[in-house]
Amino acid sequence: MEEIDRTLIACILETIYQSDDTFLSHLIGPTPFEVYDKKHIADLINPAATIGTLNRTSDFSRLIHQIPTRKIFEIHDSLMWENYSLLFNKAILAKDKEGGKKVGECMPDNLKKKYEEFYKPIRNELYDQLTAYNKAYSENKDDKIWKQEFMPKLISAIEETQRKWINEGFKIEIEEFIDTQIADNVLSYSSLWSKWKGKFSEFLSLNADLKSAGSCFATFYVDFDELNQEEKWQKKSFTHDSITSVLLKNPFDEMTEDLTNYAKDVELFEISYIRLNIERIWLIPQVFESRFWKMSPNFSDEIVSGEKFTGTIPTYIKDVIFIKRLSKQIRKSFIEDALEGLGKPLEWVFNKFSKKQSTNKVDENFYLAAMNCKLITKCPNPDPNLNWT
């Protein structure tokens, strides 16, 4: 696909997904549109099939867990969960509000008994194992013998405790009650924070080494199967006259002149597009909105999100946008129109010697075109009326 077409598609997507609380980061420039054929999509639909599919899904995870700060998407070293982890580890909570309850206090007696006697002890056991694993890994990450002999045993123990938590700790029953029956404004600040942090700690325990190849496949869920469902796709068409309005949404000022000249020659431009939501059980948007916490004042990265994309997590990617079936028709020149009137032989001679291509082009490939990013407003934004002593 030509760069000018990618830029025009970026303009089109800007008109479609314009919003006050999101922005698009386009895969153009240093990270161009990536082509996904049917095999690639099949791999993403079934990530656990082979080592190759695990690696492909892991690579996709590393792409969508970047933290975009520009209209042009770029790859950086840090990933979303690394900065999210800092937030939990360096936060200071306000004193609990009066009347705020702990999780166990909100449960009926039969569930409270399961929570206190089974759920909490097994959860704490798992967190202790996770802490020990992370400490051992940081101390021995370059030790091949440790990785071969001891690391598998620690991971096996973590997995066994996870199964125990589900089978003996009533994990599913209790967490379903917590998520559906306990309103956030009922819990004490410490209990609510513990609830959010617990989801992230569980995520870390399931993905103990997120820096190794193929390790990130379980960090998200996207319904890639929708890419194979024709009815899920939407279509957008622009004629020569209507495409001018699209150029007003050009996110790349340096391309304005090139786009304007290109649009003069376009008779018809069509694309099909689809937006797929990214689900992450470990990422809780309310964390960024709540006002009962702040960062430790002696922590260098005190700002999570400030003005003009400052801070550790000013945005996060919430959707991915794919396009396909790019079709464009180039306007005929005055010479071509005249030659058509004179007959096919002369038109054929002109096209042959001018090496002119067909005016109708259709690209059937799938392309990952843009990331739809959620903007995080001022964060943290501690409430001065709370008790911080």
Foldseek 3Di string as FASTA:
>chain_A
DDLLVLLLVLLVVCVVDPDDFWDWAWQHDPRHWDFADPVLLVLLQPQVPDLVSLLSLLVVQQQQQDFDQASHDDHDDDGNLVLVVQCLVFKAFFFWDPQAAALLVQDDPVVSCLCVPAQVVLLVVLLVLLVVLLVVCVVCVVPPVCVVPPNVVSLVVNVVSVVCCVPPSVVVVSVVCCVPPDDPVRHIPVNSSCNLVSLQSVVCSQQVDSVDRSRCNPFKDKNSVVVVPPVQKDKDKDALVRSVVSLVSRRDVVCSVVNVVQSNFWGMKMKIKHKIFIDGSNDDVVQLVDARMFGHPPDPQRWCAEPSGDGVRQKGFTIWMKMFWIKTFTHDDPVLVVVVVVHDVVNVVVCVVVVDDHRIDIGGTIIRTITIMGGRYGPPNHDPPTHSD
